[in-house]
C-alpha atoms as a PDB file:
ATOM      1  CA  MET A   1      84.823 231.314 160.102  1.00  0.00           C
ATOM      2  CA  LYS A   2      81.386 232.224 161.359  1.00  0.00           C
ATOM      3  CA  LYS A   3      80.575 232.243 165.057  1.00  0.00           C
ATOM      4  CA  THR A   4      78.091 229.345 164.756  1.00  0.00           C
ATOM      5  CA  ALA A   5      80.692 227.201 162.984  1.00  0.00           C
ATOM      6  CA  ARG A   6      83.236 227.903 165.755  1.00  0.00           C
ATOM      7  CA  ILE A   7      80.655 226.991 168.428  1.00  0.00           C
ATOM      8  CA  TYR A   8      79.809 223.787 166.531  1.00  0.00           C
ATOM      9  CA  LEU A   9      83.497 222.807 166.273  1.00  0.00           C
ATOM     10  CA  ALA A  10      84.062 223.578 169.974  1.00  0.00           C
ATOM     11  CA  CYS A  11      81.071 221.413 170.926  1.00  0.00           C
ATOM     12  CA  MET A  12      82.337 218.561 168.723  1.00  0.00           C
ATOM     13  CA  ALA A  13      85.769 218.786 170.387  1.00  0.00           C
ATOM     14  CA  ILE A  14      84.181 218.641 173.850  1.00  0.00           C
ATOM     15  CA  VAL A  15      81.987 215.670 172.902  1.00  0.00           C
ATOM     16  CA  GLY A  16      85.008 213.906 171.385  1.00  0.00           C
ATOM     17  CA  GLY A  17      86.977 214.487 174.597  1.00  0.00           C
ATOM     18  CA  LEU A  18      84.103 213.158 176.693  1.00  0.00           C
ATOM     19  CA  HIS A  19      83.825 210.094 174.474  1.00  0.00           C
ATOM     20  CA  ALA A  20      87.578 209.424 174.771  1.00  0.00           C
ATOM     21  CA  SER A  21      87.497 209.794 178.554  1.00  0.00           C
ATOM     22  CA  ALA A  22      84.460 207.511 178.798  1.00  0.00           C
ATOM     23  CA  GLN A  23      86.423 204.803 176.969  1.00  0.00           C
ATOM     24  CA  ASN A  24      89.339 205.108 179.420  1.00  0.00           C
ATOM     25  CA  PRO A  25      87.899 206.512 182.669  1.00  0.00           C
ATOM     26  CA  ALA A  26      89.854 207.089 185.840  1.00  0.00           C
ATOM     27  CA  GLN A  27      89.040 204.321 188.257  1.00  0.00           C
ATOM     28  CA  LEU A  28      89.575 203.524 191.915  1.00  0.00           C
ATOM     29  CA  MET A  29      90.394 199.878 192.600  1.00  0.00           C
ATOM     30  CA  VAL A  30      90.391 197.903 195.851  1.00  0.00           C
ATOM     31  CA  VAL A  31      93.307 195.455 195.815  1.00  0.00           C
ATOM     32  CA  ALA A  32      93.674 192.266 197.881  1.00  0.00           C
ATOM     33  CA  ASN A  33      97.298 191.599 198.859  1.00  0.00           C
ATOM     34  CA  ASP A  34      98.903 188.376 200.109  1.00  0.00           C
ATOM     35  CA  ALA A  35     101.342 188.051 203.048  1.00  0.00           C
ATOM     36  CA  GLU A  36     104.246 189.343 200.927  1.00  0.00           C
ATOM     37  CA  GLY A  37     102.286 192.418 199.793  1.00  0.00           C
ATOM     38  CA  VAL A  38     101.727 191.092 196.258  1.00  0.00           C
ATOM     39  CA  ALA A  39      98.360 191.932 194.662  1.00  0.00           C
ATOM     40  CA  MET A  40      96.249 188.759 194.301  1.00  0.00           C
ATOM     41  CA  ALA A  41      92.968 190.221 193.019  1.00  0.00           C
ATOM     42  CA  GLU A  42      91.287 193.571 192.520  1.00  0.00           C
ATOM     43  CA  ALA A  43      87.863 195.050 191.930  1.00  0.00           C
ATOM     44  CA  PRO A  44      86.689 198.500 190.821  1.00  0.00           C
ATOM     45  CA  VAL A  45      84.994 200.722 193.387  1.00  0.00           C
ATOM     46  CA  GLY A  46      83.103 203.961 193.001  1.00  0.00           C
ATOM     47  CA  ILE A  47      80.940 206.408 194.872  1.00  0.00           C
ATOM     48  CA  GLU A  48      78.115 203.875 195.270  1.00  0.00           C
ATOM     49  CA  SER A  49      80.303 200.854 196.011  1.00  0.00           C
ATOM     50  CA  LYS A  50      80.183 199.003 199.308  1.00  0.00           C
ATOM     51  CA  LEU A  51      82.722 196.853 201.101  1.00  0.00           C
ATOM     52  CA  ARG A  52      81.109 194.306 203.407  1.00  0.00           C
ATOM     53  CA  PHE A  53      83.094 192.287 205.928  1.00  0.00           C
ATOM     54  CA  VAL A  54      81.293 188.958 206.276  1.00  0.00           C
ATOM     55  CA  GLY A  55      82.096 185.610 207.892  1.00  0.00           C
ATOM     56  CA  ASP A  56      84.504 184.246 205.262  1.00  0.00           C
ATOM     57  CA  GLY A  57      85.840 187.380 203.569  1.00  0.00           C
ATOM     58  CA  VAL A  58      85.388 190.871 202.194  1.00  0.00           C
ATOM     59  CA  GLU A  59      82.651 191.389 199.618  1.00  0.00           C
ATOM     60  CA  VAL A  60      82.885 194.274 197.122  1.00  0.00           C
ATOM     61  CA  TYR A  61      79.552 195.526 195.744  1.00  0.00           C
ATOM     62  CA  SER A  62      78.909 197.996 192.944  1.00  0.00           C
ATOM     63  CA  VAL A  63      75.520 199.410 193.926  1.00  0.00           C
ATOM     64  CA  GLU A  64      73.858 196.043 194.767  1.00  0.00           C
ATOM     65  CA  THR A  65      75.838 193.810 192.374  1.00  0.00           C
ATOM     66  CA  LEU A  66      78.502 191.588 193.927  1.00  0.00           C
ATOM     67  CA  GLU A  67      81.762 192.334 192.059  1.00  0.00           C
ATOM     68  CA  ALA A  68      84.325 190.336 194.065  1.00  0.00           C
ATOM     69  CA  VAL A  69      84.935 188.343 197.240  1.00  0.00           C
ATOM     70  CA  PHE A  70      88.348 188.361 198.928  1.00  0.00           C
ATOM     71  CA  HIS A  71      88.584 185.405 201.329  1.00  0.00           C
ATOM     72  CA  TYR A  72      90.245 186.019 204.711  1.00  0.00           C
ATOM     73  CA  ALA A  73      92.329 182.835 204.424  1.00  0.00           C
ATOM     74  CA  ASP A  74      94.158 184.276 201.376  1.00  0.00           C
ATOM     75  CA  LEU A  75      94.151 187.916 202.405  1.00  0.00           C
ATOM     76  CA  LYS A  76      96.763 189.847 204.382  1.00  0.00           C
ATOM     77  CA  THR A  77      95.874 193.473 203.518  1.00  0.00           C
ATOM     78  CA  LEU A  78      93.500 195.515 201.410  1.00  0.00           C
ATOM     79  CA  SER A  79      94.777 198.600 199.609  1.00  0.00           C
ATOM     80  CA  PHE A  80      93.386 201.085 197.122  1.00  0.00           C
ATOM     81  CA  ARG A  81      94.862 202.016 193.739  1.00  0.00           C
ATOM     82  CA  PHE A  82      93.811 204.837 191.438  1.00  0.00           C
ATOM     83  CA  ASP A  83      94.095 204.224 187.679  1.00  0.00           C
ATOM     84  CA  ALA A  84      93.931 207.408 185.605  1.00  0.00           C
ATOM     85  CA  GLY A  85      94.041 206.639 181.894  1.00  0.00           C
ATOM     86  CA  THR A  86      97.373 205.033 181.131  1.00  0.00           C
ATOM     87  CA  ALA A  87      99.061 206.380 184.258  1.00  0.00           C
ATOM     88  CA  VAL A  88      98.747 204.452 187.507  1.00  0.00           C
ATOM     89  CA  GLY A  89      99.283 206.178 190.833  1.00  0.00           C
ATOM     90  CA  GLN A  90      99.186 204.673 194.285  1.00  0.00           C
ATOM     91  CA  LEU A  91      97.122 206.503 196.860  1.00  0.00           C
ATOM     92  CA  SER A  92      99.951 205.649 199.212  1.00  0.00           C
ATOM     93  CA  SER A  93     103.070 204.019 197.837  1.00  0.00           C
ATOM     94  CA  GLU A  94     103.771 202.691 201.324  1.00  0.00           C
ATOM     95  CA  ALA A  95     100.294 201.161 201.692  1.00  0.00           C
ATOM     96  CA  ALA A  96     101.542 197.558 202.052  1.00  0.00           C
ATOM     97  CA  LEU A  97     104.794 198.495 203.781  1.00  0.00           C
ATOM     98  CA  ARG A  98     105.310 197.044 207.266  1.00  0.00           C
ATOM     99  CA  LEU A  99     108.118 196.004 209.605  1.00  0.00           C
ATOM    100  CA  ARG A 100     109.315 192.416 209.230  1.00  0.00           C
ATOM    101  CA  ALA A 101     110.085 192.109 212.967  1.00  0.00           C
ATOM    102  CA  ASN A 102     109.835 194.325 216.017  1.00  0.00           C
ATOM    103  CA  PRO A 103     111.940 194.521 218.223  1.00  0.00           C
ATOM    104  CA  VAL A 104     115.110 194.400 216.082  1.00  0.00           C
ATOM    105  CA  ASP A 105     118.725 193.541 216.872  1.00  0.00           C
ATOM    106  CA  GLU A 106     121.070 194.356 213.989  1.00  0.00           C
ATOM    107  CA  SER A 107     119.015 195.230 210.905  1.00  0.00           C
ATOM    108  CA  LEU A 108     115.697 197.047 210.447  1.00  0.00           C
ATOM    109  CA  GLU A 109     113.828 195.188 207.708  1.00  0.00           C
ATOM    110  CA  PHE A 110     110.576 195.974 205.929  1.00  0.00           C
ATOM    111  CA  VAL A 111     108.166 193.882 203.867  1.00  0.00           C
ATOM    112  CA  GLY A 112     105.954 195.100 201.038  1.00  0.00           C
ATOM    113  CA  PHE A 113     107.980 197.967 199.572  1.00  0.00           C
ATOM    114  CA  SER A 114     107.479 198.589 195.869  1.00  0.00           C
ATOM    115  CA  GLY A 115     108.136 201.525 193.612  1.00  0.00           C
ATOM    116  CA  ALA A 116     110.881 204.083 193.209  1.00  0.00           C
ATOM    117  CA  ALA A 117     113.532 204.696 195.845  1.00  0.00           C
ATOM    118  CA  VAL A 118     112.516 207.040 198.684  1.00  0.00           C
ATOM    119  CA  PRO A 119     114.351 208.705 201.563  1.00  0.00           C
ATOM    120  CA  LEU A 120     114.431 206.840 204.886  1.00  0.00           C
ATOM    121  CA  SER A 121     115.425 208.317 208.234  1.00  0.00           C
ATOM    122  CA  ILE A 122     115.594 206.949 211.771  1.00  0.00           C
ATOM    123  CA  CYS A 123     115.061 209.398 214.595  1.00  0.00           C
ATOM    124  CA  GLY A 124     115.333 209.226 218.356  1.00  0.00           C
ATOM    125  CA  LEU A 125     112.461 210.280 220.615  1.00  0.00           C
ATOM    126  CA  LYS A 126     113.921 213.780 220.926  1.00  0.00           C
ATOM    127  CA  GLY A 127     113.619 214.244 217.151  1.00  0.00           C
ATOM    128  CA  GLU A 128     117.309 213.959 216.282  1.00  0.00           C
ATOM    129  CA  THR A 129     118.076 212.129 213.018  1.00  0.00           C
ATOM    130  CA  LEU A 130     120.397 209.208 213.782  1.00  0.00           C
ATOM    131  CA  VAL A 131     120.379 207.334 210.457  1.00  0.00           C
ATOM    132  CA  ASN A 132     119.661 208.874 207.067  1.00  0.00           C
ATOM    133  CA  VAL A 133     119.385 206.937 203.792  1.00  0.00           C
ATOM    134  CA  ALA A 134     118.826 209.338 200.876  1.00  0.00           C
ATOM    135  CA  SER A 135     117.719 206.685 198.379  1.00  0.00           C
ATOM    136  CA  TRP A 136     116.216 203.592 200.050  1.00  0.00           C
ATOM    137  CA  SER A 137     114.848 200.756 197.886  1.00  0.00           C
ATOM    138  CA  GLY A 138     113.636 198.214 200.439  1.00  0.00           C
ATOM    139  CA  GLU A 139     116.928 196.753 201.680  1.00  0.00           C
ATOM    140  CA  GLY A 140     117.659 196.187 205.379  1.00  0.00           C
ATOM    141  CA  VAL A 141     119.021 199.165 207.337  1.00  0.00           C
ATOM    142  CA  ASP A 142     121.911 198.583 209.760  1.00  0.00           C
ATOM    143  CA  VAL A 143     120.866 199.737 213.256  1.00  0.00           C
ATOM    144  CA  SER A 144     123.531 197.811 215.193  1.00  0.00           C
ATOM    145  CA  ALA A 145     125.231 201.065 216.302  1.00  0.00           C
ATOM    146  CA  LEU A 146     122.039 202.392 217.941  1.00  0.00           C
ATOM    147  CA  ALA A 147     121.657 202.085 221.698  1.00  0.00           C
ATOM    148  CA  PRO A 148     118.765 199.933 222.936  1.00  0.00           C
ATOM    149  CA  GLY A 149     115.529 201.895 223.036  1.00  0.00           C
ATOM    150  CA  LEU A 150     112.531 203.187 221.084  1.00  0.00           C
ATOM    151  CA  TYR A 151     113.046 204.800 217.647  1.00  0.00           C
ATOM    152  CA  ILE A 152     110.958 206.171 214.803  1.00  0.00           C
ATOM    153  CA  ALA A 153     111.597 205.263 211.159  1.00  0.00           C
ATOM    154  CA  ARG A 154     110.149 207.554 208.494  1.00  0.00           C
ATOM    155  CA  VAL A 155     109.902 206.101 204.981  1.00  0.00           C
ATOM    156  CA  GLY A 156     109.109 208.490 202.154  1.00  0.00           C
ATOM    157  CA  GLU A 157     106.677 211.303 202.841  1.00  0.00           C
ATOM    158  CA  SER A 158     103.910 209.516 204.712  1.00  0.00           C
ATOM    159  CA  ALA A 159     104.928 206.205 206.317  1.00  0.00           C
ATOM    160  CA  THR A 160     106.117 206.274 209.941  1.00  0.00           C
ATOM    161  CA  PHE A 161     106.983 203.254 212.079  1.00  0.00           C
ATOM    162  CA  LYS A 162     107.917 202.913 215.758  1.00  0.00           C
ATOM    163  CA  PHE A 163     110.378 200.161 216.563  1.00  0.00           C
ATOM    164  CA  ILE A 164     112.386 198.899 219.516  1.00  0.00           C
ATOM    165  CA  LYS A 165     116.125 198.300 219.203  1.00  0.00           C
ATOM    166  CA  ARG A 166     117.298 195.560 221.601  1.00  0.00           C
END
């Protein structure tokens, strides 16, 4: 095969790849979540997008075009999700995760967990691990054996919560 034919075929392969990626581009989405952490609505955002916090809600603009309005009355949290082709990855899988109540008595409970099981550990203020759950899936964690005081719960790789045990 001649050099010019190989260059032509390489260029066609690159253009074909660009065309395929343009049909299914990676996209960042802003997601409005309700009080239980369930996604209610979403809108695409990009480098030129703007989020404006106005009197009745959050407006999402693409350049100067209004894409979506998330009303405060319906909204508990905003999170971001990255869609890459057919695979979907959360920027932070613990984005909507929060404590159900603080202080706690018997059970440490969370709201908004979704996804695969992650490790959970509870540490004292000196750094010692007091409770370790290797594969936690959102269920309550028994803390009744802990003495009253301040503790730190670490969920997965990036979520950390301070809580008071009564």
